[in-house]
Amino acid sequence: MKRTLSPADILFDGFIYVFFTAFTLICVFPLYYIFISTISDNSLVASGQILFVPRGIHFQNYIKVMQLNALPQAVFISVSRTVLGTFLSTLCTAYVAYVITKRQLWHRKLIYRFFIITMYFNAGLIPTYLNMRFLHLDNTYWVYIVGVINAFNMILIKTYIESIPDSIEESAAIDGAGYMVIFARLILPLSLPILATVAVFSAVGHWNSFMDTLLYIRDSRLYTLQFLLWQYMNEATQLARAMQNAAAQGGVIATPAVTLTTTAVRMTIAMVVTLPVLCVYPFFQRYFVKGIMLGAVKG
């Protein structure tokens, strides 16, 4: 049945479309501007002549940034910690959430409240650092992996699991399945939407993290990509000069269009850090609404 729209409804719908279109453009434009600045003539970018359309397109900024020392090792550390940390965090958090849903668990409510407390209080920077030192985890790769349980994600998964009918677990238990079998063969497959959502949250956190490297790591071989690029971004002026000198010593005459500037270094590094996340999000976006809605509201 078609609904007849009054002039007021048409005006309101038009306003909504215009408002959200403008809002989307405002959100997208900064990223678009950074991207076109990285592929445009560096001299024009430095003088502020690039606003909406790229000019003098080239990709030398990305090529030169990718040739930075220690970058391949840093990429390996970041990718490996993101993959391993996301897998362990999602699996362990899901298992804890499943266990807490069992009424047979000894002092279940008390244990659940202990997890909730960690969302509001923490030990602080110095006790956490000392704890890592006493456990001999500082300056090791495993300092990136140890924090596998996230209380907020656990609440989301717990609420989602509670929405699964009990009859499914009861049927499996009658057939002789134990808790581990039920968790692995029933709960995990049925919880894919919320698990995918939590996995994306965890992956983005691992990928963007650099404070743990700053606090605990002294070995440059264990630097993450974000920490290394953060260092480069803070030293953008010196880095640009060093690359210009290296090109001059190699007999390469760089034109102003492709000569690295401080602005070009910072914008290119920002895009290098952001692009992997932008590539991952579209594949998991369809799980967000279903996962968050079912995992955040009980009933």
C-alpha atoms as a PDB file:
ATOM      1  CA  MET A   1       0.000   0.000   0.000  1.00  0.00           C
ATOM      2  CA  LYS A   2       1.441   3.331  -1.032  1.00  0.00           C
ATOM      3  CA  ARG A   3       1.534   6.068   1.572  1.00  0.00           C
ATOM      4  CA  THR A   4       0.625   9.573   0.464  1.00  0.00           C
ATOM      5  CA  LEU A   5       3.215  12.108   1.568  1.00  0.00           C
ATOM      6  CA  SER A   6       2.138  15.550   2.605  1.00  0.00           C
ATOM      7  CA  PRO A   7       4.240  18.596   1.642  1.00  0.00           C
ATOM      8  CA  ALA A   8       5.543  18.707   5.214  1.00  0.00           C
ATOM      9  CA  ASP A   9       6.671  15.046   4.978  1.00  0.00           C
ATOM     10  CA  ILE A  10       8.433  15.676   1.661  1.00  0.00           C
ATOM     11  CA  LEU A  11      10.157  18.754   3.085  1.00  0.00           C
ATOM     12  CA  PHE A  12      11.251  16.852   6.199  1.00  0.00           C
ATOM     13  CA  ASP A  13      12.549  13.866   4.180  1.00  0.00           C
ATOM     14  CA  GLY A  14      14.451  16.230   1.904  1.00  0.00           C
ATOM     15  CA  PHE A  15      16.008  17.954   4.904  1.00  0.00           C
ATOM     16  CA  ILE A  16      17.073  14.603   6.373  1.00  0.00           C
ATOM     17  CA  TYR A  17      18.707  13.497   3.099  1.00  0.00           C
ATOM     18  CA  VAL A  18      20.539  16.810   2.699  1.00  0.00           C
ATOM     19  CA  PHE A  19      21.653  16.874   6.336  1.00  0.00           C
ATOM     20  CA  PHE A  20      23.068  13.337   6.396  1.00  0.00           C
ATOM     21  CA  THR A  21      24.661  13.746   2.956  1.00  0.00           C
ATOM     22  CA  ALA A  22      26.426  16.870   4.178  1.00  0.00           C
ATOM     23  CA  PHE A  23      27.386  15.163   7.431  1.00  0.00           C
ATOM     24  CA  THR A  24      28.863  12.206   5.509  1.00  0.00           C
ATOM     25  CA  LEU A  25      30.878  14.517   3.272  1.00  0.00           C
ATOM     26  CA  ILE A  26      32.206  16.389   6.311  1.00  0.00           C
ATOM     27  CA  CYS A  27      33.362  13.075   7.825  1.00  0.00           C
ATOM     28  CA  VAL A  28      34.912  11.748   4.608  1.00  0.00           C
ATOM     29  CA  PHE A  29      36.582  14.923   3.362  1.00  0.00           C
ATOM     30  CA  PRO A  30      39.536  14.999   5.835  1.00  0.00           C
ATOM     31  CA  LEU A  31      40.573  11.484   4.807  1.00  0.00           C
ATOM     32  CA  TYR A  32      40.072  12.336   1.132  1.00  0.00           C
ATOM     33  CA  TYR A  33      42.137  15.491   1.536  1.00  0.00           C
ATOM     34  CA  ILE A  34      45.006  13.603   3.164  1.00  0.00           C
ATOM     35  CA  PHE A  35      44.950  11.018   0.373  1.00  0.00           C
ATOM     36  CA  ILE A  36      45.004  13.517  -2.508  1.00  0.00           C
ATOM     37  CA  SER A  37      47.754  15.428  -0.706  1.00  0.00           C
ATOM     38  CA  THR A  38      49.949  12.322  -0.622  1.00  0.00           C
ATOM     39  CA  ILE A  39      49.660  11.756  -4.388  1.00  0.00           C
ATOM     40  CA  SER A  40      49.832  15.400  -5.501  1.00  0.00           C
ATOM     41  CA  ASP A  41      52.746  17.683  -6.316  1.00  0.00           C
ATOM     42  CA  ASN A  42      54.495  18.153  -2.953  1.00  0.00           C
ATOM     43  CA  SER A  43      55.364  21.776  -3.677  1.00  0.00           C
ATOM     44  CA  LEU A  44      51.708  22.585  -4.386  1.00  0.00           C
ATOM     45  CA  VAL A  45      50.609  20.781  -1.205  1.00  0.00           C
ATOM     46  CA  ALA A  46      53.163  22.676   0.889  1.00  0.00           C
ATOM     47  CA  SER A  47      51.921  25.992  -0.514  1.00  0.00           C
ATOM     48  CA  GLY A  48      48.269  25.092   0.168  1.00  0.00           C
ATOM     49  CA  GLN A  49      47.152  24.943  -3.475  1.00  0.00           C
ATOM     50  CA  ILE A  50      45.627  21.447  -3.242  1.00  0.00           C
ATOM     51  CA  LEU A  51      42.068  21.525  -1.899  1.00  0.00           C
ATOM     52  CA  PHE A  52      39.653  19.269  -3.795  1.00  0.00           C
ATOM     53  CA  VAL A  53      41.368  17.862  -6.896  1.00  0.00           C
ATOM     54  CA  PRO A  54      44.827  16.209  -6.989  1.00  0.00           C
ATOM     55  CA  ARG A  55      47.390  17.834  -9.281  1.00  0.00           C
ATOM     56  CA  GLY A  56      50.715  16.477 -10.492  1.00  0.00           C
ATOM     57  CA  ILE A  57      49.819  12.930  -9.449  1.00  0.00           C
ATOM     58  CA  HIS A  58      52.721  10.684  -8.362  1.00  0.00           C
ATOM     59  CA  PHE A  59      53.306   7.873  -5.850  1.00  0.00           C
ATOM     60  CA  GLN A  60      56.889   8.639  -4.851  1.00  0.00           C
ATOM     61  CA  ASN A  61      55.817   9.544  -1.301  1.00  0.00           C
ATOM     62  CA  TYR A  62      54.581   6.002  -0.646  1.00  0.00           C
ATOM     63  CA  ILE A  63      57.609   4.433  -2.321  1.00  0.00           C
ATOM     64  CA  LYS A  64      60.029   6.479  -0.204  1.00  0.00           C
ATOM     65  CA  VAL A  65      58.145   5.881   3.048  1.00  0.00           C
ATOM     66  CA  MET A  66      58.073   2.144   2.369  1.00  0.00           C
ATOM     67  CA  GLN A  67      61.855   2.217   1.978  1.00  0.00           C
ATOM     68  CA  LEU A  68      62.403   3.492   5.523  1.00  0.00           C
ATOM     69  CA  ASN A  69      64.766   1.462   7.674  1.00  0.00           C
ATOM     70  CA  ALA A  70      63.233  -1.171   9.982  1.00  0.00           C
ATOM     71  CA  LEU A  71      59.818  -0.820   8.339  1.00  0.00           C
ATOM     72  CA  PRO A  72      59.484  -4.479   7.146  1.00  0.00           C
ATOM     73  CA  GLN A  73      60.256  -5.822  10.640  1.00  0.00           C
ATOM     74  CA  ALA A  74      57.804  -3.368  12.196  1.00  0.00           C
ATOM     75  CA  VAL A  75      55.087  -4.421   9.734  1.00  0.00           C
ATOM     76  CA  PHE A  76      55.691  -8.074  10.639  1.00  0.00           C
ATOM     77  CA  ILE A  77      55.424  -7.329  14.378  1.00  0.00           C
ATOM     78  CA  SER A  78      52.205  -5.327  13.949  1.00  0.00           C
ATOM     79  CA  VAL A  79      50.532  -7.856  11.657  1.00  0.00           C
ATOM     80  CA  SER A  80      51.522 -10.848  13.787  1.00  0.00           C
ATOM     81  CA  ARG A  81      50.399  -9.240  17.061  1.00  0.00           C
ATOM     82  CA  THR A  82      47.132  -8.155  15.451  1.00  0.00           C
ATOM     83  CA  VAL A  83      46.354 -11.638  14.114  1.00  0.00           C
ATOM     84  CA  LEU A  84      47.491 -13.595  17.178  1.00  0.00           C
ATOM     85  CA  GLY A  85      46.182 -11.083  19.711  1.00  0.00           C
ATOM     86  CA  THR A  86      42.780 -10.812  18.026  1.00  0.00           C
ATOM     87  CA  PHE A  87      42.393 -14.587  17.802  1.00  0.00           C
ATOM     88  CA  LEU A  88      43.348 -15.229  21.428  1.00  0.00           C
ATOM     89  CA  SER A  89      41.373 -12.262  22.749  1.00  0.00           C
ATOM     90  CA  THR A  90      38.187 -13.211  20.897  1.00  0.00           C
ATOM     91  CA  LEU A  91      38.442 -16.913  21.786  1.00  0.00           C
ATOM     92  CA  CYS A  92      39.314 -16.416  25.463  1.00  0.00           C
ATOM     93  CA  THR A  93      36.759 -13.657  25.979  1.00  0.00           C
ATOM     94  CA  ALA A  94      34.070 -15.810  24.350  1.00  0.00           C
ATOM     95  CA  TYR A  95      34.931 -18.772  26.566  1.00  0.00           C
ATOM     96  CA  VAL A  96      34.832 -16.677  29.755  1.00  0.00           C
ATOM     97  CA  ALA A  97      31.503 -15.199  28.665  1.00  0.00           C
ATOM     98  CA  TYR A  98      30.116 -18.688  28.034  1.00  0.00           C
ATOM     99  CA  VAL A  99      31.289 -19.967  31.427  1.00  0.00           C
ATOM    100  CA  ILE A 100      29.701 -17.034  33.262  1.00  0.00           C
ATOM    101  CA  THR A 101      26.328 -17.823  31.672  1.00  0.00           C
ATOM    102  CA  LYS A 102      26.313 -21.219  33.438  1.00  0.00           C
ATOM    103  CA  ARG A 103      24.280 -21.135  36.633  1.00  0.00           C
ATOM    104  CA  GLN A 104      26.307 -24.092  37.942  1.00  0.00           C
ATOM    105  CA  LEU A 105      29.429 -21.906  38.179  1.00  0.00           C
ATOM    106  CA  TRP A 106      30.554 -21.398  41.781  1.00  0.00           C
ATOM    107  CA  HIS A 107      29.834 -17.805  42.882  1.00  0.00           C
ATOM    108  CA  ARG A 108      28.969 -16.851  39.326  1.00  0.00           C
ATOM    109  CA  LYS A 109      27.628 -13.388  40.172  1.00  0.00           C
ATOM    110  CA  LEU A 110      30.659 -12.552  42.299  1.00  0.00           C
ATOM    111  CA  ILE A 111      33.079 -13.538  39.524  1.00  0.00           C
ATOM    112  CA  TYR A 112      31.042 -11.538  37.017  1.00  0.00           C
ATOM    113  CA  ARG A 113      31.196  -8.449  39.247  1.00  0.00           C
ATOM    114  CA  PHE A 114      34.980  -8.773  39.489  1.00  0.00           C
ATOM    115  CA  PHE A 115      35.141  -8.449  35.708  1.00  0.00           C
ATOM    116  CA  ILE A 116      32.812  -5.449  35.796  1.00  0.00           C
ATOM    117  CA  ILE A 117      35.003  -3.686  38.375  1.00  0.00           C
ATOM    118  CA  THR A 118      37.944  -3.732  35.954  1.00  0.00           C
ATOM    119  CA  MET A 119      35.954  -1.453  33.621  1.00  0.00           C
ATOM    120  CA  TYR A 120      35.948   1.307  36.242  1.00  0.00           C
ATOM    121  CA  PHE A 121      39.203   0.802  38.152  1.00  0.00           C
ATOM    122  CA  ASN A 122      42.695  -0.241  37.141  1.00  0.00           C
ATOM    123  CA  ALA A 123      46.023  -0.548  38.889  1.00  0.00           C
ATOM    124  CA  GLY A 124      47.549   2.477  37.199  1.00  0.00           C
ATOM    125  CA  LEU A 125      50.599   2.940  35.024  1.00  0.00           C
ATOM    126  CA  ILE A 126      53.398   2.306  37.542  1.00  0.00           C
ATOM    127  CA  PRO A 127      51.929  -0.860  39.164  1.00  0.00           C
ATOM    128  CA  THR A 128      51.148  -2.256  35.709  1.00  0.00           C
ATOM    129  CA  TYR A 129      54.695  -1.581  34.542  1.00  0.00           C
ATOM    130  CA  LEU A 130      56.161  -3.173  37.688  1.00  0.00           C
ATOM    131  CA  ASN A 131      53.914  -6.189  37.222  1.00  0.00           C
ATOM    132  CA  MET A 132      55.234  -6.657  33.681  1.00  0.00           C
ATOM    133  CA  ARG A 133      58.790  -6.348  34.996  1.00  0.00           C
ATOM    134  CA  PHE A 134      58.260  -8.917  37.737  1.00  0.00           C
ATOM    135  CA  LEU A 135      56.686 -11.328  35.227  1.00  0.00           C
ATOM    136  CA  HIS A 136      59.680 -10.772  32.894  1.00  0.00           C
ATOM    137  CA  LEU A 137      57.356  -9.723  30.075  1.00  0.00           C
ATOM    138  CA  ASP A 138      58.869  -6.303  29.461  1.00  0.00           C
ATOM    139  CA  ASN A 139      60.970  -6.033  26.322  1.00  0.00           C
ATOM    140  CA  THR A 140      59.442  -9.270  24.982  1.00  0.00           C
ATOM    141  CA  TYR A 141      56.959  -9.947  22.205  1.00  0.00           C
ATOM    142  CA  TRP A 142      54.462 -11.459  24.656  1.00  0.00           C
ATOM    143  CA  VAL A 143      53.783  -8.129  26.333  1.00  0.00           C
ATOM    144  CA  TYR A 144      51.601  -7.404  23.285  1.00  0.00           C
ATOM    145  CA  ILE A 145      49.506 -10.546  23.765  1.00  0.00           C
ATOM    146  CA  VAL A 146      48.932 -11.033  27.519  1.00  0.00           C
ATOM    147  CA  GLY A 147      45.843  -8.822  27.908  1.00  0.00           C
ATOM    148  CA  VAL A 148      43.450 -11.248  26.218  1.00  0.00           C
ATOM    149  CA  ILE A 149      40.274 -10.666  28.267  1.00  0.00           C
ATOM    150  CA  ASN A 150      38.263  -7.501  27.684  1.00  0.00           C
ATOM    151  CA  ALA A 151      35.424  -6.946  30.159  1.00  0.00           C
ATOM    152  CA  PHE A 152      33.263  -4.876  27.806  1.00  0.00           C
ATOM    153  CA  ASN A 153      33.547  -7.419  24.984  1.00  0.00           C
ATOM    154  CA  MET A 154      32.831 -10.176  27.478  1.00  0.00           C
ATOM    155  CA  ILE A 155      29.554  -8.494  28.447  1.00  0.00           C
ATOM    156  CA  LEU A 156      28.528  -8.229  24.784  1.00  0.00           C
ATOM    157  CA  ILE A 157      29.272 -11.890  24.091  1.00  0.00           C
ATOM    158  CA  LYS A 158      27.660 -13.038  27.365  1.00  0.00           C
ATOM    159  CA  THR A 159      24.415 -11.234  26.581  1.00  0.00           C
ATOM    160  CA  TYR A 160      24.424 -12.625  23.032  1.00  0.00           C
ATOM    161  CA  ILE A 161      24.945 -16.190  24.302  1.00  0.00           C
ATOM    162  CA  GLU A 162      22.071 -15.754  26.752  1.00  0.00           C
ATOM    163  CA  SER A 163      19.804 -14.983  23.775  1.00  0.00           C
ATOM    164  CA  ILE A 164      20.488 -18.463  22.336  1.00  0.00           C
ATOM    165  CA  PRO A 165      17.674 -20.875  23.336  1.00  0.00           C
ATOM    166  CA  ASP A 166      18.620 -23.205  26.200  1.00  0.00           C
ATOM    167  CA  SER A 167      16.958 -26.086  24.383  1.00  0.00           C
ATOM    168  CA  ILE A 168      19.854 -26.234  21.900  1.00  0.00           C
ATOM    169  CA  GLU A 169      22.389 -26.846  24.666  1.00  0.00           C
ATOM    170  CA  GLU A 170      20.057 -29.232  26.473  1.00  0.00           C
ATOM    171  CA  SER A 171      19.656 -31.347  23.332  1.00  0.00           C
ATOM    172  CA  ALA A 172      23.423 -31.573  22.929  1.00  0.00           C
ATOM    173  CA  ALA A 173      23.873 -32.426  26.605  1.00  0.00           C
ATOM    174  CA  ILE A 174      21.334 -35.269  26.318  1.00  0.00           C
ATOM    175  CA  ASP A 175      23.404 -36.671  23.463  1.00  0.00           C
ATOM    176  CA  GLY A 176      26.443 -36.706  25.756  1.00  0.00           C
ATOM    177  CA  ALA A 177      28.185 -33.462  24.754  1.00  0.00           C
ATOM    178  CA  GLY A 178      30.204 -31.710  27.448  1.00  0.00           C
ATOM    179  CA  TYR A 179      30.729 -28.012  27.983  1.00  0.00           C
ATOM    180  CA  MET A 180      33.773 -27.809  25.703  1.00  0.00           C
ATOM    181  CA  VAL A 181      32.001 -29.644  22.865  1.00  0.00           C
ATOM    182  CA  ILE A 182      28.915 -27.452  23.230  1.00  0.00           C
ATOM    183  CA  PHE A 183      31.064 -24.323  23.254  1.00  0.00           C
ATOM    184  CA  ALA A 184      33.159 -25.332  20.235  1.00  0.00           C
ATOM    185  CA  ARG A 185      30.442 -26.864  18.043  1.00  0.00           C
ATOM    186  CA  LEU A 186      27.339 -24.898  19.001  1.00  0.00           C
ATOM    187  CA  ILE A 187      28.065 -21.637  20.795  1.00  0.00           C
ATOM    188  CA  LEU A 188      30.907 -20.406  18.590  1.00  0.00           C
ATOM    189  CA  PRO A 189      29.122 -21.019  15.244  1.00  0.00           C
ATOM    190  CA  LEU A 190      25.886 -19.471  16.531  1.00  0.00           C
ATOM    191  CA  SER A 191      27.734 -16.427  17.899  1.00  0.00           C
ATOM    192  CA  LEU A 192      29.574 -15.444  14.718  1.00  0.00           C
ATOM    193  CA  PRO A 193      27.949 -11.971  14.409  1.00  0.00           C
ATOM    194  CA  ILE A 194      29.033 -10.797  17.857  1.00  0.00           C
ATOM    195  CA  LEU A 195      32.385 -12.577  17.574  1.00  0.00           C
ATOM    196  CA  ALA A 196      33.096 -10.805  14.275  1.00  0.00           C
ATOM    197  CA  THR A 197      32.198  -7.471  15.861  1.00  0.00           C
ATOM    198  CA  VAL A 198      34.416  -8.104  18.879  1.00  0.00           C
ATOM    199  CA  ALA A 199      37.226  -9.325  16.620  1.00  0.00           C
ATOM    200  CA  VAL A 200      37.167  -6.050  14.675  1.00  0.00           C
ATOM    201  CA  PHE A 201      37.257  -4.030  17.910  1.00  0.00           C
ATOM    202  CA  SER A 202      40.209  -6.079  19.135  1.00  0.00           C
ATOM    203  CA  ALA A 203      42.046  -5.962  15.791  1.00  0.00           C
ATOM    204  CA  VAL A 204      41.739  -2.184  15.521  1.00  0.00           C
ATOM    205  CA  GLY A 205      42.988  -1.837  19.095  1.00  0.00           C
ATOM    206  CA  HIS A 206      46.029  -4.028  18.424  1.00  0.00           C
ATOM    207  CA  TRP A 207      46.782  -2.356  15.108  1.00  0.00           C
ATOM    208  CA  ASN A 208      46.615   1.203  16.478  1.00  0.00           C
ATOM    209  CA  SER A 209      48.386   0.527  19.776  1.00  0.00           C
ATOM    210  CA  PHE A 210      51.785   2.082  20.354  1.00  0.00           C
ATOM    211  CA  MET A 211      51.759   2.972  24.075  1.00  0.00           C
ATOM    212  CA  ASP A 212      52.707  -0.578  25.097  1.00  0.00           C
ATOM    213  CA  THR A 213      55.757  -0.340  22.827  1.00  0.00           C
ATOM    214  CA  LEU A 214      56.632   3.043  24.298  1.00  0.00           C
ATOM    215  CA  LEU A 215      56.369   1.764  27.874  1.00  0.00           C
ATOM    216  CA  TYR A 216      57.716  -1.769  27.743  1.00  0.00           C
ATOM    217  CA  ILE A 217      59.915  -2.255  24.666  1.00  0.00           C
ATOM    218  CA  ARG A 218      63.571  -1.265  24.351  1.00  0.00           C
ATOM    219  CA  ASP A 219      64.601  -3.635  21.576  1.00  0.00           C
ATOM    220  CA  SER A 220      64.108  -1.883  18.218  1.00  0.00           C
ATOM    221  CA  ARG A 221      63.434  -5.271  16.584  1.00  0.00           C
ATOM    222  CA  LEU A 222      60.165  -5.444  18.540  1.00  0.00           C
ATOM    223  CA  TYR A 223      58.900  -2.005  17.525  1.00  0.00           C
ATOM    224  CA  THR A 224      55.408  -2.021  16.036  1.00  0.00           C
ATOM    225  CA  LEU A 225      54.556  -0.196  12.842  1.00  0.00           C
ATOM    226  CA  GLN A 226      52.525   2.432  14.667  1.00  0.00           C
ATOM    227  CA  PHE A 227      55.316   3.197  17.116  1.00  0.00           C
ATOM    228  CA  LEU A 228      57.907   3.388  14.368  1.00  0.00           C
ATOM    229  CA  LEU A 229      55.745   5.671  12.236  1.00  0.00           C
ATOM    230  CA  TRP A 230      54.909   7.744  15.308  1.00  0.00           C
ATOM    231  CA  GLN A 231      58.631   8.284  15.763  1.00  0.00           C
ATOM    232  CA  TYR A 232      59.023   9.168  12.110  1.00  0.00           C
ATOM    233  CA  MET A 233      56.073  11.550  12.265  1.00  0.00           C
ATOM    234  CA  ASN A 234      57.604  13.371  15.237  1.00  0.00           C
ATOM    235  CA  GLU A 235      60.870  13.588  13.328  1.00  0.00           C
ATOM    236  CA  ALA A 236      59.268  14.446   9.988  1.00  0.00           C
ATOM    237  CA  THR A 237      61.478  17.463   9.305  1.00  0.00           C
ATOM    238  CA  GLN A 238      64.738  15.600   9.932  1.00  0.00           C
ATOM    239  CA  LEU A 239      63.443  12.590   8.040  1.00  0.00           C
ATOM    240  CA  ALA A 240      62.536  14.651   4.982  1.00  0.00           C
ATOM    241  CA  ARG A 241      65.996  16.217   4.975  1.00  0.00           C
ATOM    242  CA  ALA A 242      67.676  12.825   5.374  1.00  0.00           C
ATOM    243  CA  MET A 243      65.777  11.408   2.397  1.00  0.00           C
ATOM    244  CA  GLN A 244      66.637  14.449   0.292  1.00  0.00           C
ATOM    245  CA  ASN A 245      70.329  14.067   1.195  1.00  0.00           C
ATOM    246  CA  ALA A 246      70.240  10.340   0.442  1.00  0.00           C
ATOM    247  CA  ALA A 247      68.735  11.037  -2.978  1.00  0.00           C
ATOM    248  CA  ALA A 248      71.367  13.695  -3.672  1.00  0.00           C
ATOM    249  CA  GLN A 249      74.218  11.386  -2.648  1.00  0.00           C
ATOM    250  CA  GLY A 250      72.821   8.686  -4.905  1.00  0.00           C
ATOM    251  CA  GLY A 251      72.983  11.037  -7.856  1.00  0.00           C
ATOM    252  CA  VAL A 252      69.194  11.338  -8.094  1.00  0.00           C
ATOM    253  CA  ILE A 253      67.986  14.831  -8.868  1.00  0.00           C
ATOM    254  CA  ALA A 254      64.553  15.191  -7.269  1.00  0.00           C
ATOM    255  CA  THR A 255      62.148  17.734  -8.715  1.00  0.00           C
ATOM    256  CA  PRO A 256      60.114  19.939  -6.340  1.00  0.00           C
ATOM    257  CA  ALA A 257      57.026  17.913  -7.225  1.00  0.00           C
ATOM    258  CA  VAL A 258      58.358  14.712  -5.645  1.00  0.00           C
ATOM    259  CA  THR A 259      60.777  16.152  -3.078  1.00  0.00           C
ATOM    260  CA  LEU A 260      59.653  15.012   0.347  1.00  0.00           C
ATOM    261  CA  THR A 261      58.470  17.765   2.656  1.00  0.00           C
ATOM    262  CA  THR A 262      57.473  17.622   6.314  1.00  0.00           C
ATOM    263  CA  THR A 263      53.796  17.793   5.340  1.00  0.00           C
ATOM    264  CA  ALA A 264      54.188  15.010   2.763  1.00  0.00           C
ATOM    265  CA  VAL A 265      55.897  12.723   5.296  1.00  0.00           C
ATOM    266  CA  ARG A 266      53.217  13.217   7.936  1.00  0.00           C
ATOM    267  CA  MET A 267      50.280  12.766   5.575  1.00  0.00           C
ATOM    268  CA  THR A 268      51.779   9.695   3.890  1.00  0.00           C
ATOM    269  CA  ILE A 269      52.473   8.052   7.243  1.00  0.00           C
ATOM    270  CA  ALA A 270      48.903   8.796   8.350  1.00  0.00           C
ATOM    271  CA  MET A 271      47.554   7.060   5.242  1.00  0.00           C
ATOM    272  CA  VAL A 272      49.873   4.062   5.668  1.00  0.00           C
ATOM    273  CA  VAL A 273      48.512   3.522   9.187  1.00  0.00           C
ATOM    274  CA  THR A 274      44.862   4.097   8.241  1.00  0.00           C
ATOM    275  CA  LEU A 275      44.521   2.156   4.970  1.00  0.00           C
ATOM    276  CA  PRO A 276      44.647  -1.400   6.448  1.00  0.00           C
ATOM    277  CA  VAL A 277      41.794  -0.588   8.835  1.00  0.00           C
ATOM    278  CA  LEU A 278      39.734   0.892   6.003  1.00  0.00           C
ATOM    279  CA  CYS A 279      40.268  -2.297   3.988  1.00  0.00           C
ATOM    280  CA  VAL A 280      39.109  -4.549   6.852  1.00  0.00           C
ATOM    281  CA  TYR A 281      35.977  -2.671   7.952  1.00  0.00           C
ATOM    282  CA  PRO A 282      33.801  -3.249   4.836  1.00  0.00           C
ATOM    283  CA  PHE A 283      34.075  -7.028   5.191  1.00  0.00           C
ATOM    284  CA  PHE A 284      32.838  -6.997   8.807  1.00  0.00           C
ATOM    285  CA  GLN A 285      30.413  -4.082   8.680  1.00  0.00           C
ATOM    286  CA  ARG A 286      27.401  -6.315   8.012  1.00  0.00           C
ATOM    287  CA  TYR A 287      27.941  -8.004  11.396  1.00  0.00           C
ATOM    288  CA  PHE A 288      28.001  -4.777  13.409  1.00  0.00           C
ATOM    289  CA  VAL A 289      24.313  -3.952  13.709  1.00  0.00           C
ATOM    290  CA  LYS A 290      23.152  -7.510  14.360  1.00  0.00           C
ATOM    291  CA  GLY A 291      26.035  -8.290  16.702  1.00  0.00           C
ATOM    292  CA  ILE A 292      25.817  -5.127  18.784  1.00  0.00           C
ATOM    293  CA  MET A 293      21.998  -5.076  19.003  1.00  0.00           C
ATOM    294  CA  LEU A 294      21.720  -8.685  20.122  1.00  0.00           C
ATOM    295  CA  GLY A 295      24.806  -8.472  22.306  1.00  0.00           C
ATOM    296  CA  ALA A 296      23.863  -5.257  24.085  1.00  0.00           C
ATOM    297  CA  VAL A 297      20.150  -5.773  24.810  1.00  0.00           C
ATOM    298  CA  LYS A 298      18.789  -8.768  26.677  1.00  0.00           C
ATOM    299  CA  GLY A 299      15.371 -10.135  25.962  1.00  0.00           C
END
